[in-house]
Each structure stands twice: as C-alpha cells, then as structure tokens.
Amino acid sequence: MIESVHTDVLDRVLDPFTHCLTPEVARRIADLRADAEMQAHVDELASKANEGRLSERERAEYDTYRSAFRFVTILQAKARSLFKQASA
C-alpha cells in the first residue's frame, strides 16, 4: 500500500518533467539499463532479502536501490508514452 502511494506521488511529480523531453531524450531514457555489475549486486541483495539474510547496512542499500529503480521505472514509462505520441 505504501509503495503504491510512493509510486503515485512520483508519477504526479514527474508529469511536468516529461513535457520537457524531446523524443530523442525520451528514447534514451526509455532504453536506460543498469550495468551488469550493478544488476548482479542488486540481484545478490534481492536473493539475500528473500532469504532474510540482509545486514542492516545491506537492507538500507537494497531499499535505496529499490527506490531509485522505482523512480527510473516511472520516468521510463512516461518517456515511452511521450515517445509513442511523438511517433504517431
């Protein structure tokens, strides 16, 4: 429930930002991906989280990654929408 509230707030805050994007920038944002090293580290943290083995520091790090990825995911969705509108 709280994660949904965070997503709704981010969605609303980012709405005006997407109007500043050009189609090219929107496409580049939509195509952003974590590098292999970062993804492997996040996958390791996720696995440890699922097993209940995260230290306090790892939990804080994992929560920060999750928040950052949520932000980027919403921004990418908005960028994709803008890019599709520009292509139509």
N, C-alpha and C. Protein backbone atom coordinates (compact mmCIF):
# COMPACT_ATOMS: atom_id res chain seq x y z
N MET A 1 0.83 -1.20 0.00
CA MET A 1 0.00 0.00 0.00
C MET A 1 0.87 1.26 0.00
N ILE A 2 1.87 1.29 0.89
CA ILE A 2 2.74 2.47 0.95
C ILE A 2 3.53 2.61 -0.34
N GLU A 3 3.99 1.49 -0.90
CA GLU A 3 4.73 1.56 -2.17
C GLU A 3 3.85 2.15 -3.27
N SER A 4 2.57 1.83 -3.27
CA SER A 4 1.63 2.40 -4.23
C SER A 4 1.52 3.91 -4.07
N VAL A 5 1.49 4.36 -2.83
CA VAL A 5 1.43 5.80 -2.55
C VAL A 5 2.68 6.48 -3.08
N HIS A 6 3.85 5.87 -2.83
CA HIS A 6 5.12 6.43 -3.33
C HIS A 6 5.10 6.52 -4.84
N THR A 7 4.62 5.46 -5.48
CA THR A 7 4.56 5.44 -6.94
C THR A 7 3.61 6.51 -7.46
N ASP A 8 2.47 6.67 -6.83
CA ASP A 8 1.51 7.69 -7.24
C ASP A 8 2.10 9.09 -7.11
N VAL A 9 2.80 9.33 -6.00
CA VAL A 9 3.42 10.64 -5.79
C VAL A 9 4.50 10.90 -6.83
N LEU A 10 5.36 9.92 -7.05
CA LEU A 10 6.41 10.08 -8.07
C LEU A 10 5.81 10.32 -9.45
N ASP A 11 4.79 9.57 -9.77
CA ASP A 11 4.12 9.72 -11.06
C ASP A 11 3.63 11.15 -11.24
N ARG A 12 3.02 11.68 -10.22
CA ARG A 12 2.47 13.04 -10.29
C ARG A 12 3.58 14.10 -10.34
N VAL A 13 4.63 13.91 -9.57
CA VAL A 13 5.74 14.86 -9.54
C VAL A 13 6.47 14.87 -10.89
N LEU A 14 6.61 13.71 -11.51
CA LEU A 14 7.36 13.62 -12.77
C LEU A 14 6.55 14.04 -13.99
N ASP A 15 5.25 14.13 -13.86
CA ASP A 15 4.42 14.50 -15.01
C ASP A 15 4.90 15.77 -15.72
N PRO A 16 5.09 16.88 -15.02
CA PRO A 16 5.53 18.10 -15.72
C PRO A 16 6.92 17.95 -16.33
N PHE A 17 7.76 17.16 -15.70
CA PHE A 17 9.12 16.95 -16.20
C PHE A 17 9.11 16.35 -17.61
N THR A 18 8.20 15.42 -17.84
CA THR A 18 8.19 14.73 -19.14
C THR A 18 7.84 15.67 -20.29
N HIS A 19 7.18 16.78 -20.00
CA HIS A 19 6.85 17.72 -21.05
C HIS A 19 8.08 18.46 -21.56
N CYS A 20 9.18 18.35 -20.83
CA CYS A 20 10.44 18.99 -21.22
C CYS A 20 11.29 18.09 -22.12
N LEU A 21 10.88 16.85 -22.30
CA LEU A 21 11.70 15.89 -23.04
C LEU A 21 11.47 15.98 -24.54
N THR A 22 12.55 15.88 -25.27
CA THR A 22 12.45 15.72 -26.72
C THR A 22 12.24 14.24 -27.00
N PRO A 23 11.75 13.88 -28.19
CA PRO A 23 11.60 12.46 -28.50
C PRO A 23 12.92 11.68 -28.38
N GLU A 24 14.02 12.29 -28.78
CA GLU A 24 15.33 11.61 -28.69
C GLU A 24 15.71 11.34 -27.24
N VAL A 25 15.54 12.34 -26.38
CA VAL A 25 15.87 12.16 -24.96
C VAL A 25 14.92 11.13 -24.34
N ALA A 26 13.66 11.18 -24.70
CA ALA A 26 12.69 10.21 -24.19
C ALA A 26 13.11 8.80 -24.55
N ARG A 27 13.57 8.60 -25.78
CA ARG A 27 14.01 7.28 -26.22
C ARG A 27 15.23 6.82 -25.43
N ARG A 28 16.17 7.73 -25.19
CA ARG A 28 17.37 7.38 -24.43
C ARG A 28 17.03 7.02 -22.99
N ILE A 29 16.10 7.74 -22.39
CA ILE A 29 15.66 7.43 -21.02
C ILE A 29 14.97 6.06 -21.00
N ALA A 30 14.11 5.82 -21.97
CA ALA A 30 13.39 4.55 -22.03
C ALA A 30 14.34 3.36 -22.19
N ASP A 31 15.48 3.58 -22.80
CA ASP A 31 16.43 2.50 -23.06
C ASP A 31 17.47 2.31 -21.94
N LEU A 32 17.42 3.14 -20.90
CA LEU A 32 18.40 3.02 -19.81
C LEU A 32 18.30 1.67 -19.12
N ARG A 33 19.45 1.09 -18.82
CA ARG A 33 19.52 -0.17 -18.10
C ARG A 33 20.68 -0.11 -17.11
N ALA A 34 20.56 -0.84 -16.02
CA ALA A 34 21.66 -0.97 -15.07
C ALA A 34 22.78 -1.76 -15.75
N ASP A 35 24.03 -1.39 -15.43
CA ASP A 35 25.14 -2.16 -15.99
C ASP A 35 25.17 -3.54 -15.33
N ALA A 36 25.89 -4.47 -15.94
CA ALA A 36 25.89 -5.86 -15.49
C ALA A 36 26.37 -6.00 -14.04
N GLU A 37 27.38 -5.24 -13.66
CA GLU A 37 27.91 -5.32 -12.30
C GLU A 37 26.87 -4.87 -11.27
N MET A 38 26.21 -3.74 -11.55
CA MET A 38 25.19 -3.25 -10.63
C MET A 38 24.03 -4.23 -10.55
N GLN A 39 23.60 -4.75 -11.70
CA GLN A 39 22.47 -5.67 -11.70
C GLN A 39 22.79 -6.93 -10.91
N ALA A 40 24.01 -7.44 -11.05
CA ALA A 40 24.41 -8.63 -10.30
C ALA A 40 24.41 -8.35 -8.81
N HIS A 41 24.86 -7.17 -8.41
CA HIS A 41 24.88 -6.81 -7.00
C HIS A 41 23.46 -6.69 -6.44
N VAL A 42 22.58 -6.04 -7.19
CA VAL A 42 21.18 -5.90 -6.75
C VAL A 42 20.51 -7.28 -6.69
N ASP A 43 20.80 -8.14 -7.66
CA ASP A 43 20.24 -9.49 -7.63
C ASP A 43 20.71 -10.26 -6.39
N GLU A 44 21.98 -10.07 -6.02
CA GLU A 44 22.51 -10.71 -4.83
C GLU A 44 21.80 -10.19 -3.57
N LEU A 45 21.61 -8.86 -3.50
CA LEU A 45 20.89 -8.29 -2.36
C LEU A 45 19.45 -8.80 -2.31
N ALA A 46 18.81 -8.89 -3.46
CA ALA A 46 17.43 -9.38 -3.52
C ALA A 46 17.34 -10.81 -3.03
N SER A 47 18.29 -11.63 -3.44
CA SER A 47 18.31 -13.02 -3.01
C SER A 47 18.48 -13.12 -1.50
N LYS A 48 19.41 -12.34 -0.97
CA LYS A 48 19.62 -12.33 0.47
C LYS A 48 18.38 -11.80 1.21
N ALA A 49 17.71 -10.81 0.62
CA ALA A 49 16.50 -10.27 1.23
C ALA A 49 15.41 -11.34 1.30
N ASN A 50 15.27 -12.09 0.21
CA ASN A 50 14.26 -13.15 0.17
C ASN A 50 14.54 -14.25 1.19
N GLU A 51 15.81 -14.42 1.52
CA GLU A 51 16.20 -15.44 2.49
C GLU A 51 16.30 -14.88 3.91
N GLY A 52 16.04 -13.57 4.07
CA GLY A 52 16.12 -12.95 5.39
C GLY A 52 17.53 -12.82 5.92
N ARG A 53 18.52 -12.67 5.03
CA ARG A 53 19.92 -12.64 5.44
C ARG A 53 20.60 -11.29 5.25
N LEU A 54 19.87 -10.21 5.06
CA LEU A 54 20.48 -8.90 4.87
C LEU A 54 20.92 -8.29 6.20
N SER A 55 22.11 -7.72 6.19
CA SER A 55 22.54 -6.94 7.35
C SER A 55 21.78 -5.61 7.32
N GLU A 56 21.89 -4.85 8.37
CA GLU A 56 21.21 -3.55 8.42
C GLU A 56 21.71 -2.64 7.28
N ARG A 57 23.01 -2.64 7.07
CA ARG A 57 23.59 -1.82 6.01
C ARG A 57 23.10 -2.29 4.63
N GLU A 58 23.08 -3.59 4.41
CA GLU A 58 22.60 -4.13 3.14
C GLU A 58 21.13 -3.82 2.93
N ARG A 59 20.34 -3.88 3.98
CA ARG A 59 18.91 -3.55 3.88
C ARG A 59 18.74 -2.11 3.43
N ALA A 60 19.50 -1.19 4.02
CA ALA A 60 19.43 0.22 3.63
C ALA A 60 19.86 0.39 2.18
N GLU A 61 20.92 -0.30 1.79
CA GLU A 61 21.39 -0.21 0.40
C GLU A 61 20.34 -0.76 -0.56
N TYR A 62 19.78 -1.91 -0.24
CA TYR A 62 18.77 -2.53 -1.09
C TYR A 62 17.53 -1.65 -1.21
N ASP A 63 17.09 -1.08 -0.10
CA ASP A 63 15.94 -0.18 -0.13
C ASP A 63 16.22 1.05 -0.99
N THR A 64 17.45 1.55 -0.95
CA THR A 64 17.82 2.70 -1.78
C THR A 64 17.80 2.33 -3.25
N TYR A 65 18.33 1.17 -3.59
CA TYR A 65 18.26 0.71 -4.99
C TYR A 65 16.81 0.58 -5.45
N ARG A 66 15.98 -0.01 -4.60
CA ARG A 66 14.57 -0.19 -4.97
C ARG A 66 13.89 1.15 -5.22
N SER A 67 14.16 2.13 -4.37
CA SER A 67 13.57 3.46 -4.55
C SER A 67 14.07 4.11 -5.83
N ALA A 68 15.37 4.00 -6.07
CA ALA A 68 15.94 4.59 -7.28
C ALA A 68 15.36 3.91 -8.53
N PHE A 69 15.26 2.59 -8.51
CA PHE A 69 14.71 1.88 -9.66
C PHE A 69 13.24 2.22 -9.88
N ARG A 70 12.50 2.42 -8.79
CA ARG A 70 11.09 2.81 -8.91
C ARG A 70 11.00 4.16 -9.63
N PHE A 71 11.84 5.09 -9.21
CA PHE A 71 11.90 6.42 -9.83
C PHE A 71 12.21 6.30 -11.32
N VAL A 72 13.24 5.55 -11.65
CA VAL A 72 13.65 5.40 -13.06
C VAL A 72 12.55 4.69 -13.85
N THR A 73 11.91 3.69 -13.28
CA THR A 73 10.85 2.96 -13.98
C THR A 73 9.68 3.88 -14.34
N ILE A 74 9.29 4.73 -13.41
CA ILE A 74 8.20 5.67 -13.68
C ILE A 74 8.62 6.66 -14.76
N LEU A 75 9.83 7.17 -14.64
CA LEU A 75 10.34 8.11 -15.65
C LEU A 75 10.40 7.44 -17.02
N GLN A 76 10.82 6.19 -17.06
CA GLN A 76 10.87 5.47 -18.34
C GLN A 76 9.48 5.26 -18.93
N ALA A 77 8.51 4.95 -18.09
CA ALA A 77 7.15 4.78 -18.59
C ALA A 77 6.63 6.08 -19.20
N LYS A 78 6.91 7.18 -18.54
CA LYS A 78 6.50 8.48 -19.07
C LYS A 78 7.24 8.79 -20.37
N ALA A 79 8.52 8.47 -20.42
CA ALA A 79 9.31 8.70 -21.62
C ALA A 79 8.78 7.86 -22.78
N ARG A 80 8.46 6.60 -22.52
CA ARG A 80 7.91 5.74 -23.57
C ARG A 80 6.58 6.29 -24.10
N SER A 81 5.76 6.76 -23.20
CA SER A 81 4.48 7.33 -23.60
C SER A 81 4.70 8.55 -24.49
N LEU A 82 5.59 9.42 -24.08
CA LEU A 82 5.90 10.62 -24.87
C LEU A 82 6.48 10.23 -26.23
N PHE A 83 7.38 9.26 -26.23
CA PHE A 83 8.00 8.83 -27.48
C PHE A 83 6.96 8.23 -28.43
N LYS A 84 6.04 7.44 -27.91
CA LYS A 84 4.99 6.87 -28.75
C LYS A 84 4.09 7.93 -29.33
N GLN A 85 3.75 8.95 -28.52
CA GLN A 85 2.92 10.05 -29.01
C GLN A 85 3.62 10.81 -30.13
N ALA A 86 4.93 11.02 -29.98
CA ALA A 86 5.69 11.75 -30.99
C ALA A 86 5.82 10.95 -32.28
N SER A 87 5.83 9.62 -32.15
CA SER A 87 5.97 8.75 -33.33
C SER A 87 4.65 8.59 -34.08
N ALA A 88 3.54 8.88 -33.43
CA ALA A 88 2.23 8.68 -34.05
C ALA A 88 1.89 9.77 -35.05
